[in-house]
């Protein structure tokens, strides 16, 4: 069973789920005896709209245990905004629901509005999204004509900046953000703040943590198991993006057996680019994984293991 991750450059009009299904079909092909092989687990670490393109991280086998952590890595996007019109989908695929004056929007005013979106803020997701209401995707409910109102939630954007002049009502922005941020909703809110309305014309994800779309492959470039194996990368590359502890032999043995380890005795600390609150990686000769730092009453803090991947799985 393959274990690791793939970097895919998803094209426009292809759904994230179709990229997952493409890999699953290869893993589920029949053997020479006519028996179907067991499907390896395959998932993605953060979906992309069908109208968007760019980096999609696919996780295979035991690496799917790291999905929640990969999704917490910062993501970089580049979006082309169309000023002067808001749509019901917040992108060019929807119907125009508002038109406003673009001529009064200066680049100085635009930049001032962008700065107001930096940091932690509340964001209302687009009604046309994959978020579920009562177990059903909100986009299905909205397209049935039912009224829905999604609750706002906190998101974090460390950078929102203009990267082109405003020309004929079109402008490009670059965004660095955390988990759960909708760029379509950001563009909608920028348009509302400017008073002219806006929607996304084009959207591309450029990176997730240390992984860049320039390293990614088109889905059609992975057509068989041989090509998949060549392009599959080790889960160790994922955990290198996080703060981590290089374990001592004894600490590794204890964590592999599900036992807690005193933090002071665990090993050598190595800083990472991700936020410490998003997970502390533990790495040894025979395992990688994540651990919680738990306070023990009357004693020193300890590491409690979770999401472990053992070397035998990494090599399979």
C-alpha atoms as a PDB file:
ATOM      1  CA  UNK A   1       0.000   0.000   0.000  1.00  0.00           C
ATOM      2  CA  UNK A   2       1.612   3.338  -1.031  1.00  0.00           C
ATOM      3  CA  UNK A   3       2.155   5.773   1.838  1.00  0.00           C
ATOM      4  CA  UNK A   4       3.084   9.397   1.294  1.00  0.00           C
ATOM      5  CA  UNK A   5       1.811  12.471  -0.469  1.00  0.00           C
ATOM      6  CA  UNK A   6       1.439  13.839  -3.992  1.00  0.00           C
ATOM      7  CA  UNK A   7       1.471  17.455  -5.147  1.00  0.00           C
ATOM      8  CA  UNK A   8      -1.163  17.983  -7.839  1.00  0.00           C
ATOM      9  CA  UNK A   9      -1.680  21.085  -9.970  1.00  0.00           C
ATOM     10  CA  UNK A  10      -5.466  20.964 -10.236  1.00  0.00           C
ATOM     11  CA  UNK A  11      -6.875  22.606 -13.381  1.00  0.00           C
ATOM     12  CA  UNK A  12     -10.042  24.694 -13.527  1.00  0.00           C
ATOM     13  CA  UNK A  13     -13.299  22.689 -13.888  1.00  0.00           C
ATOM     14  CA  UNK A  14     -11.849  19.583 -12.233  1.00  0.00           C
ATOM     15  CA  UNK A  15     -13.167  18.939  -8.718  1.00  0.00           C
ATOM     16  CA  UNK A  16     -10.832  18.021  -5.866  1.00  0.00           C
ATOM     17  CA  UNK A  17     -12.820  14.822  -5.327  1.00  0.00           C
ATOM     18  CA  UNK A  18     -12.142  13.800  -8.944  1.00  0.00           C
ATOM     19  CA  UNK A  19      -8.385  14.065  -8.313  1.00  0.00           C
ATOM     20  CA  UNK A  20      -8.773  11.758  -5.313  1.00  0.00           C
ATOM     21  CA  UNK A  21     -10.900   9.338  -7.362  1.00  0.00           C
ATOM     22  CA  UNK A  22      -8.276   9.316 -10.141  1.00  0.00           C
ATOM     23  CA  UNK A  23      -5.628   8.013  -7.716  1.00  0.00           C
ATOM     24  CA  UNK A  24      -8.045   5.582  -6.049  1.00  0.00           C
ATOM     25  CA  UNK A  25      -8.868   4.002  -9.401  1.00  0.00           C
ATOM     26  CA  UNK A  26      -5.192   3.200  -9.946  1.00  0.00           C
ATOM     27  CA  UNK A  27      -4.843   1.713  -6.493  1.00  0.00           C
ATOM     28  CA  UNK A  28      -7.995  -0.353  -6.943  1.00  0.00           C
ATOM     29  CA  UNK A  29      -7.138  -2.064 -10.216  1.00  0.00           C
ATOM     30  CA  UNK A  30      -7.612  -5.837 -10.369  1.00  0.00           C
ATOM     31  CA  UNK A  31      -4.713  -8.183  -9.865  1.00  0.00           C
ATOM     32  CA  UNK A  32      -3.695 -10.838 -12.381  1.00  0.00           C
ATOM     33  CA  UNK A  33      -5.892 -13.301 -10.511  1.00  0.00           C
ATOM     34  CA  UNK A  34      -8.893 -11.040 -11.132  1.00  0.00           C
ATOM     35  CA  UNK A  35      -9.251 -10.066  -7.494  1.00  0.00           C
ATOM     36  CA  UNK A  36      -9.590  -6.422  -6.663  1.00  0.00           C
ATOM     37  CA  UNK A  37      -6.782  -5.053  -4.522  1.00  0.00           C
ATOM     38  CA  UNK A  38      -7.676  -3.337  -1.260  1.00  0.00           C
ATOM     39  CA  UNK A  39      -8.057   0.400  -1.856  1.00  0.00           C
ATOM     40  CA  UNK A  40      -5.462   2.516  -0.149  1.00  0.00           C
ATOM     41  CA  UNK A  41      -6.814   5.434   1.790  1.00  0.00           C
ATOM     42  CA  UNK A  42      -6.583   8.641  -0.268  1.00  0.00           C
ATOM     43  CA  UNK A  43      -7.624  12.141   0.750  1.00  0.00           C
ATOM     44  CA  UNK A  44      -6.771  15.764   0.136  1.00  0.00           C
ATOM     45  CA  UNK A  45      -5.546  18.338   2.649  1.00  0.00           C
ATOM     46  CA  UNK A  46      -7.831  21.244   1.790  1.00  0.00           C
ATOM     47  CA  UNK A  47     -10.296  21.315  -1.087  1.00  0.00           C
ATOM     48  CA  UNK A  48     -10.194  23.676  -4.071  1.00  0.00           C
ATOM     49  CA  UNK A  49     -13.344  24.918  -5.818  1.00  0.00           C
ATOM     50  CA  UNK A  50     -13.900  23.555  -9.321  1.00  0.00           C
ATOM     51  CA  UNK A  51     -13.551  27.157 -10.581  1.00  0.00           C
ATOM     52  CA  UNK A  52     -10.098  27.445  -8.971  1.00  0.00           C
ATOM     53  CA  UNK A  53      -6.756  25.959  -9.972  1.00  0.00           C
ATOM     54  CA  UNK A  54      -3.493  25.256  -8.244  1.00  0.00           C
ATOM     55  CA  UNK A  55      -1.884  23.179  -5.542  1.00  0.00           C
ATOM     56  CA  UNK A  56      -3.794  20.225  -4.132  1.00  0.00           C
ATOM     57  CA  UNK A  57      -1.983  18.034  -1.586  1.00  0.00           C
ATOM     58  CA  UNK A  58      -3.122  14.397  -1.824  1.00  0.00           C
ATOM     59  CA  UNK A  59      -2.334  12.083   1.090  1.00  0.00           C
ATOM     60  CA  UNK A  60      -2.091   8.315   0.632  1.00  0.00           C
ATOM     61  CA  UNK A  61      -2.195   5.417   3.062  1.00  0.00           C
ATOM     62  CA  UNK A  62      -0.971   6.092   6.600  1.00  0.00           C
ATOM     63  CA  UNK A  63      -0.105   9.684   5.610  1.00  0.00           C
ATOM     64  CA  UNK A  64      -3.840  10.484   5.712  1.00  0.00           C
ATOM     65  CA  UNK A  65      -3.406  10.620   9.508  1.00  0.00           C
ATOM     66  CA  UNK A  66      -1.569  13.906   8.937  1.00  0.00           C
ATOM     67  CA  UNK A  67      -4.451  15.539   7.027  1.00  0.00           C
ATOM     68  CA  UNK A  68      -5.612  17.786   9.881  1.00  0.00           C
ATOM     69  CA  UNK A  69      -2.079  19.077  10.374  1.00  0.00           C
ATOM     70  CA  UNK A  70      -1.384  19.797   6.694  1.00  0.00           C
ATOM     71  CA  UNK A  71      -4.643  21.751   6.502  1.00  0.00           C
ATOM     72  CA  UNK A  72      -3.373  23.989   9.307  1.00  0.00           C
ATOM     73  CA  UNK A  73      -0.340  25.065   7.266  1.00  0.00           C
ATOM     74  CA  UNK A  74      -0.586  28.582   5.776  1.00  0.00           C
ATOM     75  CA  UNK A  75      -1.755  28.806   2.169  1.00  0.00           C
ATOM     76  CA  UNK A  76      -0.903  31.373  -0.506  1.00  0.00           C
ATOM     77  CA  UNK A  77      -3.392  32.366  -3.209  1.00  0.00           C
ATOM     78  CA  UNK A  78      -3.475  34.753  -6.140  1.00  0.00           C
ATOM     79  CA  UNK A  79      -6.896  35.994  -7.209  1.00  0.00           C
ATOM     80  CA  UNK A  80      -8.081  38.220 -10.029  1.00  0.00           C
ATOM     81  CA  UNK A  81     -10.938  40.415  -8.808  1.00  0.00           C
ATOM     82  CA  UNK A  82     -13.652  41.952 -10.966  1.00  0.00           C
ATOM     83  CA  UNK A  83     -14.815  45.186  -9.354  1.00  0.00           C
ATOM     84  CA  UNK A  84     -18.270  46.631  -9.941  1.00  0.00           C
ATOM     85  CA  UNK A  85     -20.379  43.470  -9.692  1.00  0.00           C
ATOM     86  CA  UNK A  86     -21.209  41.042  -6.871  1.00  0.00           C
ATOM     87  CA  UNK A  87     -22.534  37.563  -7.700  1.00  0.00           C
ATOM     88  CA  UNK A  88     -24.495  34.967  -5.739  1.00  0.00           C
ATOM     89  CA  UNK A  89     -21.547  32.533  -5.900  1.00  0.00           C
ATOM     90  CA  UNK A  90     -18.902  35.233  -5.250  1.00  0.00           C
ATOM     91  CA  UNK A  91     -17.189  34.199  -8.502  1.00  0.00           C
ATOM     92  CA  UNK A  92     -17.729  34.476 -12.259  1.00  0.00           C
ATOM     93  CA  UNK A  93     -19.878  31.331 -12.417  1.00  0.00           C
ATOM     94  CA  UNK A  94     -22.808  32.993 -10.624  1.00  0.00           C
ATOM     95  CA  UNK A  95     -25.556  35.520 -11.334  1.00  0.00           C
ATOM     96  CA  UNK A  96     -24.952  39.232 -10.737  1.00  0.00           C
ATOM     97  CA  UNK A  97     -26.898  40.423  -7.688  1.00  0.00           C
ATOM     98  CA  UNK A  98     -25.415  43.919  -7.348  1.00  0.00           C
ATOM     99  CA  UNK A  99     -23.661  46.461  -9.569  1.00  0.00           C
ATOM    100  CA  UNK A 100     -21.693  49.432  -8.318  1.00  0.00           C
ATOM    101  CA  UNK A 101     -19.529  52.326  -9.440  1.00  0.00           C
ATOM    102  CA  UNK A 102     -15.938  51.332 -10.192  1.00  0.00           C
ATOM    103  CA  UNK A 103     -14.735  54.749 -11.333  1.00  0.00           C
ATOM    104  CA  UNK A 104     -14.700  56.115  -7.787  1.00  0.00           C
ATOM    105  CA  UNK A 105     -12.340  53.368  -6.533  1.00  0.00           C
ATOM    106  CA  UNK A 106      -8.750  54.579  -6.365  1.00  0.00           C
ATOM    107  CA  UNK A 107      -5.751  52.333  -5.807  1.00  0.00           C
ATOM    108  CA  UNK A 108      -5.031  54.206  -2.563  1.00  0.00           C
ATOM    109  CA  UNK A 109      -8.550  53.513  -1.265  1.00  0.00           C
ATOM    110  CA  UNK A 110      -8.292  49.901  -2.418  1.00  0.00           C
ATOM    111  CA  UNK A 111      -5.005  49.384  -0.543  1.00  0.00           C
ATOM    112  CA  UNK A 112      -6.444  50.922   2.642  1.00  0.00           C
ATOM    113  CA  UNK A 113      -9.367  48.470   2.535  1.00  0.00           C
ATOM    114  CA  UNK A 114      -7.008  45.509   1.987  1.00  0.00           C
ATOM    115  CA  UNK A 115      -5.034  46.387   5.128  1.00  0.00           C
ATOM    116  CA  UNK A 116      -8.224  46.190   7.191  1.00  0.00           C
ATOM    117  CA  UNK A 117      -8.457  42.470   6.395  1.00  0.00           C
ATOM    118  CA  UNK A 118      -5.080  41.571   7.893  1.00  0.00           C
ATOM    119  CA  UNK A 119      -5.072  39.446  11.046  1.00  0.00           C
ATOM    120  CA  UNK A 120      -7.859  37.558  12.790  1.00  0.00           C
ATOM    121  CA  UNK A 121     -11.403  38.436  11.747  1.00  0.00           C
ATOM    122  CA  UNK A 122     -14.851  36.952  11.357  1.00  0.00           C
ATOM    123  CA  UNK A 123     -15.837  35.743   7.875  1.00  0.00           C
ATOM    124  CA  UNK A 124     -19.165  34.469   6.561  1.00  0.00           C
ATOM    125  CA  UNK A 125     -18.568  31.605   4.106  1.00  0.00           C
ATOM    126  CA  UNK A 126     -20.232  31.750   0.672  1.00  0.00           C
ATOM    127  CA  UNK A 127     -23.630  30.047   0.562  1.00  0.00           C
ATOM    128  CA  UNK A 128     -22.393  28.159  -2.513  1.00  0.00           C
ATOM    129  CA  UNK A 129     -19.786  26.061  -0.704  1.00  0.00           C
ATOM    130  CA  UNK A 130     -19.063  22.529   0.486  1.00  0.00           C
ATOM    131  CA  UNK A 131     -19.939  23.342   4.091  1.00  0.00           C
ATOM    132  CA  UNK A 132     -22.688  21.060   5.329  1.00  0.00           C
ATOM    133  CA  UNK A 133     -25.994  21.980   6.935  1.00  0.00           C
ATOM    134  CA  UNK A 134     -27.742  19.004   8.493  1.00  0.00           C
ATOM    135  CA  UNK A 135     -25.408  16.668   6.606  1.00  0.00           C
ATOM    136  CA  UNK A 136     -26.112  18.252   3.206  1.00  0.00           C
ATOM    137  CA  UNK A 137     -23.680  20.564   1.319  1.00  0.00           C
ATOM    138  CA  UNK A 138     -24.860  24.171   1.462  1.00  0.00           C
ATOM    139  CA  UNK A 139     -24.405  24.575  -2.309  1.00  0.00           C
ATOM    140  CA  UNK A 140     -27.028  21.880  -2.909  1.00  0.00           C
ATOM    141  CA  UNK A 141     -29.480  23.568  -0.545  1.00  0.00           C
ATOM    142  CA  UNK A 142     -28.878  26.994  -2.101  1.00  0.00           C
ATOM    143  CA  UNK A 143     -29.332  25.677  -5.643  1.00  0.00           C
ATOM    144  CA  UNK A 144     -32.656  24.147  -4.614  1.00  0.00           C
ATOM    145  CA  UNK A 145     -33.836  27.697  -3.961  1.00  0.00           C
ATOM    146  CA  UNK A 146     -33.900  27.415  -0.181  1.00  0.00           C
ATOM    147  CA  UNK A 147     -32.841  30.347   1.983  1.00  0.00           C
ATOM    148  CA  UNK A 148     -29.703  29.618   4.009  1.00  0.00           C
ATOM    149  CA  UNK A 149     -27.498  31.691   6.242  1.00  0.00           C
ATOM    150  CA  UNK A 150     -24.094  30.333   7.211  1.00  0.00           C
ATOM    151  CA  UNK A 151     -22.654  31.473  10.521  1.00  0.00           C
ATOM    152  CA  UNK A 152     -19.522  33.620  10.472  1.00  0.00           C
ATOM    153  CA  UNK A 153     -16.350  32.043  11.783  1.00  0.00           C
ATOM    154  CA  UNK A 154     -12.904  33.268  12.706  1.00  0.00           C
ATOM    155  CA  UNK A 155     -10.194  33.161  10.041  1.00  0.00           C
ATOM    156  CA  UNK A 156      -6.651  34.481   9.927  1.00  0.00           C
ATOM    157  CA  UNK A 157      -4.967  36.321   7.058  1.00  0.00           C
ATOM    158  CA  UNK A 158      -1.334  37.277   7.576  1.00  0.00           C
ATOM    159  CA  UNK A 159      -1.157  39.202   4.294  1.00  0.00           C
ATOM    160  CA  UNK A 160      -3.600  40.649   1.754  1.00  0.00           C
ATOM    161  CA  UNK A 161      -1.981  42.868  -0.867  1.00  0.00           C
ATOM    162  CA  UNK A 162      -2.556  44.241  -4.344  1.00  0.00           C
ATOM    163  CA  UNK A 163      -0.124  42.894  -6.951  1.00  0.00           C
ATOM    164  CA  UNK A 164      -1.337  44.700 -10.096  1.00  0.00           C
ATOM    165  CA  UNK A 165      -2.760  48.093 -11.055  1.00  0.00           C
ATOM    166  CA  UNK A 166      -6.547  48.448 -11.211  1.00  0.00           C
ATOM    167  CA  UNK A 167      -7.269  48.275 -14.932  1.00  0.00           C
ATOM    168  CA  UNK A 168     -10.717  48.293 -16.532  1.00  0.00           C
ATOM    169  CA  UNK A 169     -12.248  47.157 -13.231  1.00  0.00           C
ATOM    170  CA  UNK A 170      -9.865  44.220 -12.825  1.00  0.00           C
ATOM    171  CA  UNK A 171      -7.130  43.833 -10.195  1.00  0.00           C
ATOM    172  CA  UNK A 172      -5.005  40.986  -8.810  1.00  0.00           C
ATOM    173  CA  UNK A 173      -4.430  40.344  -5.110  1.00  0.00           C
ATOM    174  CA  UNK A 174      -2.152  37.937  -3.233  1.00  0.00           C
ATOM    175  CA  UNK A 175      -3.356  36.391   0.031  1.00  0.00           C
ATOM    176  CA  UNK A 176      -1.554  34.394   2.723  1.00  0.00           C
ATOM    177  CA  UNK A 177      -4.096  32.835   5.044  1.00  0.00           C
ATOM    178  CA  UNK A 178      -4.887  30.063   7.473  1.00  0.00           C
ATOM    179  CA  UNK A 179      -7.293  27.128   7.511  1.00  0.00           C
ATOM    180  CA  UNK A 180     -10.939  27.761   6.649  1.00  0.00           C
ATOM    181  CA  UNK A 181     -10.466  31.043   4.777  1.00  0.00           C
ATOM    182  CA  UNK A 182     -12.627  31.507   1.679  1.00  0.00           C
ATOM    183  CA  UNK A 183     -10.994  33.781  -0.889  1.00  0.00           C
ATOM    184  CA  UNK A 184     -14.373  34.194  -2.618  1.00  0.00           C
ATOM    185  CA  UNK A 185     -15.819  35.506   0.646  1.00  0.00           C
ATOM    186  CA  UNK A 186     -12.798  37.795   1.121  1.00  0.00           C
ATOM    187  CA  UNK A 187     -13.300  39.303  -2.350  1.00  0.00           C
ATOM    188  CA  UNK A 188     -17.042  39.696  -1.681  1.00  0.00           C
ATOM    189  CA  UNK A 189     -16.263  41.536   1.570  1.00  0.00           C
ATOM    190  CA  UNK A 190     -13.647  43.764  -0.098  1.00  0.00           C
ATOM    191  CA  UNK A 191     -16.255  44.752  -2.692  1.00  0.00           C
ATOM    192  CA  UNK A 192     -18.762  45.543   0.046  1.00  0.00           C
ATOM    193  CA  UNK A 193     -16.201  47.644   1.941  1.00  0.00           C
ATOM    194  CA  UNK A 194     -15.435  49.590  -1.251  1.00  0.00           C
ATOM    195  CA  UNK A 195     -19.167  49.992  -1.961  1.00  0.00           C
ATOM    196  CA  UNK A 196     -18.818  48.814  -5.558  1.00  0.00           C
ATOM    197  CA  UNK A 197     -19.257  45.037  -5.223  1.00  0.00           C
ATOM    198  CA  UNK A 198     -16.717  42.471  -6.432  1.00  0.00           C
ATOM    199  CA  UNK A 199     -16.298  38.831  -7.348  1.00  0.00           C
ATOM    200  CA  UNK A 200     -13.474  36.416  -8.197  1.00  0.00           C
ATOM    201  CA  UNK A 201     -12.642  36.053 -11.895  1.00  0.00           C
ATOM    202  CA  UNK A 202      -9.697  33.692 -11.431  1.00  0.00           C
ATOM    203  CA  UNK A 203      -8.266  31.965  -8.368  1.00  0.00           C
ATOM    204  CA  UNK A 204      -5.091  29.945  -8.001  1.00  0.00           C
ATOM    205  CA  UNK A 205      -3.504  28.346  -4.938  1.00  0.00           C
ATOM    206  CA  UNK A 206       0.237  28.823  -5.114  1.00  0.00           C
ATOM    207  CA  UNK A 207       1.427  27.059  -1.972  1.00  0.00           C
ATOM    208  CA  UNK A 208       0.567  25.123   1.164  1.00  0.00           C
ATOM    209  CA  UNK A 209       3.219  25.525   3.852  1.00  0.00           C
ATOM    210  CA  UNK A 210       6.616  24.801   2.237  1.00  0.00           C
ATOM    211  CA  UNK A 211       5.097  23.088  -0.820  1.00  0.00           C
ATOM    212  CA  UNK A 212       4.756  25.124  -4.011  1.00  0.00           C
ATOM    213  CA  UNK A 213       2.623  24.584  -7.099  1.00  0.00           C
ATOM    214  CA  UNK A 214       5.772  24.731  -9.247  1.00  0.00           C
ATOM    215  CA  UNK A 215       6.662  21.307  -7.755  1.00  0.00           C
ATOM    216  CA  UNK A 216       3.240  19.839  -8.581  1.00  0.00           C
ATOM    217  CA  UNK A 217       2.120  17.577 -11.430  1.00  0.00           C
ATOM    218  CA  UNK A 218      -0.932  17.728 -13.655  1.00  0.00           C
ATOM    219  CA  UNK A 219      -3.345  14.860 -12.876  1.00  0.00           C
ATOM    220  CA  UNK A 220      -2.818  13.329 -16.309  1.00  0.00           C
ATOM    221  CA  UNK A 221       0.934  13.076 -15.584  1.00  0.00           C
ATOM    222  CA  UNK A 222       0.103  10.335 -13.069  1.00  0.00           C
ATOM    223  CA  UNK A 223      -1.435   7.683 -15.305  1.00  0.00           C
ATOM    224  CA  UNK A 224      -0.207   4.445 -13.719  1.00  0.00           C
ATOM    225  CA  UNK A 225       1.298   2.992 -10.559  1.00  0.00           C
ATOM    226  CA  UNK A 226       4.850   3.418 -11.816  1.00  0.00           C
ATOM    227  CA  UNK A 227       4.376   7.167 -12.337  1.00  0.00           C
ATOM    228  CA  UNK A 228       2.589   7.456  -8.991  1.00  0.00           C
ATOM    229  CA  UNK A 229       5.475   5.771  -7.186  1.00  0.00           C
ATOM    230  CA  UNK A 230       8.010   8.069  -8.864  1.00  0.00           C
ATOM    231  CA  UNK A 231       6.150  11.203  -7.752  1.00  0.00           C
ATOM    232  CA  UNK A 232       5.139  10.044  -4.262  1.00  0.00           C
ATOM    233  CA  UNK A 233       6.922  11.934  -1.472  1.00  0.00           C
ATOM    234  CA  UNK A 234       7.710  10.885   2.089  1.00  0.00           C
ATOM    235  CA  UNK A 235       5.523  12.039   5.007  1.00  0.00           C
ATOM    236  CA  UNK A 236       8.766  13.108   6.696  1.00  0.00           C
ATOM    237  CA  UNK A 237       8.740  16.144   4.380  1.00  0.00           C
ATOM    238  CA  UNK A 238       5.371  17.184   5.816  1.00  0.00           C
ATOM    239  CA  UNK A 239       6.416  17.099   9.444  1.00  0.00           C
ATOM    240  CA  UNK A 240       9.583  19.099   8.690  1.00  0.00           C
ATOM    241  CA  UNK A 241       7.329  22.169   8.311  1.00  0.00           C
ATOM    242  CA  UNK A 242       6.332  22.010  11.984  1.00  0.00           C
ATOM    243  CA  UNK A 243       8.046  22.599  15.289  1.00  0.00           C
ATOM    244  CA  UNK A 244       9.345  19.185  16.254  1.00  0.00           C
ATOM    245  CA  UNK A 245      11.347  17.119  18.682  1.00  0.00           C
ATOM    246  CA  UNK A 246      14.017  14.716  17.446  1.00  0.00           C
ATOM    247  CA  UNK A 247      13.371  11.888  19.875  1.00  0.00           C
ATOM    248  CA  UNK A 248      15.825   9.992  21.999  1.00  0.00           C
ATOM    249  CA  UNK A 249      15.805   6.210  21.544  1.00  0.00           C
ATOM    250  CA  UNK A 250      13.946   5.687  24.820  1.00  0.00           C
ATOM    251  CA  UNK A 251      11.376   8.418  24.134  1.00  0.00           C
ATOM    252  CA  UNK A 252      10.696   6.987  20.685  1.00  0.00           C
ATOM    253  CA  UNK A 253      10.167   3.510  22.108  1.00  0.00           C
ATOM    254  CA  UNK A 254       7.710   4.808  24.705  1.00  0.00           C
ATOM    255  CA  UNK A 255       5.710   6.891  22.211  1.00  0.00           C
ATOM    256  CA  UNK A 256       5.538   3.970  19.767  1.00  0.00           C
ATOM    257  CA  UNK A 257       3.928   1.958  22.561  1.00  0.00           C
ATOM    258  CA  UNK A 258       1.402   4.702  23.270  1.00  0.00           C
ATOM    259  CA  UNK A 259       3.059   5.868  26.496  1.00  0.00           C
ATOM    260  CA  UNK A 260       3.608   9.453  27.601  1.00  0.00           C
ATOM    261  CA  UNK A 261       7.115  10.894  27.832  1.00  0.00           C
ATOM    262  CA  UNK A 262       8.327  13.738  30.085  1.00  0.00           C
ATOM    263  CA  UNK A 263       8.883  16.720  27.794  1.00  0.00           C
ATOM    264  CA  UNK A 264      12.286  17.442  29.332  1.00  0.00           C
ATOM    265  CA  UNK A 265      13.497  13.923  28.453  1.00  0.00           C
ATOM    266  CA  UNK A 266      11.974  13.650  24.965  1.00  0.00           C
ATOM    267  CA  UNK A 267      14.884  14.855  22.863  1.00  0.00           C
ATOM    268  CA  UNK A 268      16.196  17.805  20.850  1.00  0.00           C
ATOM    269  CA  UNK A 269      13.822  20.632  19.850  1.00  0.00           C
ATOM    270  CA  UNK A 270      13.893  21.964  16.252  1.00  0.00           C
ATOM    271  CA  UNK A 271      11.896  25.073  15.346  1.00  0.00           C
ATOM    272  CA  UNK A 272       9.536  25.075  12.350  1.00  0.00           C
ATOM    273  CA  UNK A 273       7.570  27.517  10.248  1.00  0.00           C
ATOM    274  CA  UNK A 274       4.108  26.482  11.456  1.00  0.00           C
ATOM    275  CA  UNK A 275       2.492  27.727  14.642  1.00  0.00           C
ATOM    276  CA  UNK A 276       3.243  25.628  17.718  1.00  0.00           C
ATOM    277  CA  UNK A 277      -0.447  25.545  18.662  1.00  0.00           C
ATOM    278  CA  UNK A 278      -1.123  23.663  15.407  1.00  0.00           C
ATOM    279  CA  UNK A 279       0.866  20.651  16.520  1.00  0.00           C
ATOM    280  CA  UNK A 280       4.229  19.528  17.817  1.00  0.00           C
ATOM    281  CA  UNK A 281       5.849  16.923  15.622  1.00  0.00           C
ATOM    282  CA  UNK A 282       7.852  14.045  17.077  1.00  0.00           C
ATOM    283  CA  UNK A 283      10.410  12.333  14.850  1.00  0.00           C
ATOM    284  CA  UNK A 284      12.542   9.283  15.456  1.00  0.00           C
ATOM    285  CA  UNK A 285      14.436   6.681  13.480  1.00  0.00           C
ATOM    286  CA  UNK A 286      11.419   4.380  13.253  1.00  0.00           C
ATOM    287  CA  UNK A 287       8.458   6.776  13.454  1.00  0.00           C
ATOM    288  CA  UNK A 288       7.096  10.236  12.865  1.00  0.00           C
ATOM    289  CA  UNK A 289       3.956  11.744  14.309  1.00  0.00           C
ATOM    290  CA  UNK A 290       2.402  14.468  16.424  1.00  0.00           C
ATOM    291  CA  UNK A 291       2.035  14.803  20.163  1.00  0.00           C
ATOM    292  CA  UNK A 292       0.132  16.939  22.655  1.00  0.00           C
ATOM    293  CA  UNK A 293       1.917  18.676  25.493  1.00  0.00           C
ATOM    294  CA  UNK A 294      -0.103  17.784  28.580  1.00  0.00           C
ATOM    295  CA  UNK A 295       0.341  19.296  31.994  1.00  0.00           C
ATOM    296  CA  UNK A 296       0.519  16.721  34.774  1.00  0.00           C
ATOM    297  CA  UNK A 297      -0.731  17.746  38.178  1.00  0.00           C
ATOM    298  CA  UNK A 298       2.186  18.076  40.535  1.00  0.00           C
ATOM    299  CA  UNK A 299       4.727  17.204  37.853  1.00  0.00           C
ATOM    300  CA  UNK A 300       6.497  18.318  34.676  1.00  0.00           C
ATOM    301  CA  UNK A 301       4.644  18.472  31.315  1.00  0.00           C
ATOM    302  CA  UNK A 302       4.598  15.304  29.210  1.00  0.00           C
ATOM    303  CA  UNK A 303       4.199  14.404  25.549  1.00  0.00           C
ATOM    304  CA  UNK A 304       1.077  12.389  24.743  1.00  0.00           C
ATOM    305  CA  UNK A 305       1.291  10.636  21.331  1.00  0.00           C
ATOM    306  CA  UNK A 306      -1.255  10.969  18.514  1.00  0.00           C
ATOM    307  CA  UNK A 307      -1.239  10.450  14.718  1.00  0.00           C
ATOM    308  CA  UNK A 308       1.838   8.185  14.738  1.00  0.00           C
ATOM    309  CA  UNK A 309       3.231   6.665  11.535  1.00  0.00           C
ATOM    310  CA  UNK A 310       5.751   3.852  11.923  1.00  0.00           C
ATOM    311  CA  UNK A 311       8.774   3.234   9.700  1.00  0.00           C
ATOM    312  CA  UNK A 312       7.342  -0.050   8.381  1.00  0.00           C
ATOM    313  CA  UNK A 313       4.395   1.913   7.011  1.00  0.00           C
ATOM    314  CA  UNK A 314       6.634   4.579   5.542  1.00  0.00           C
ATOM    315  CA  UNK A 315       8.611   2.004   3.607  1.00  0.00           C
ATOM    316  CA  UNK A 316       5.631  -0.031   2.362  1.00  0.00           C
END
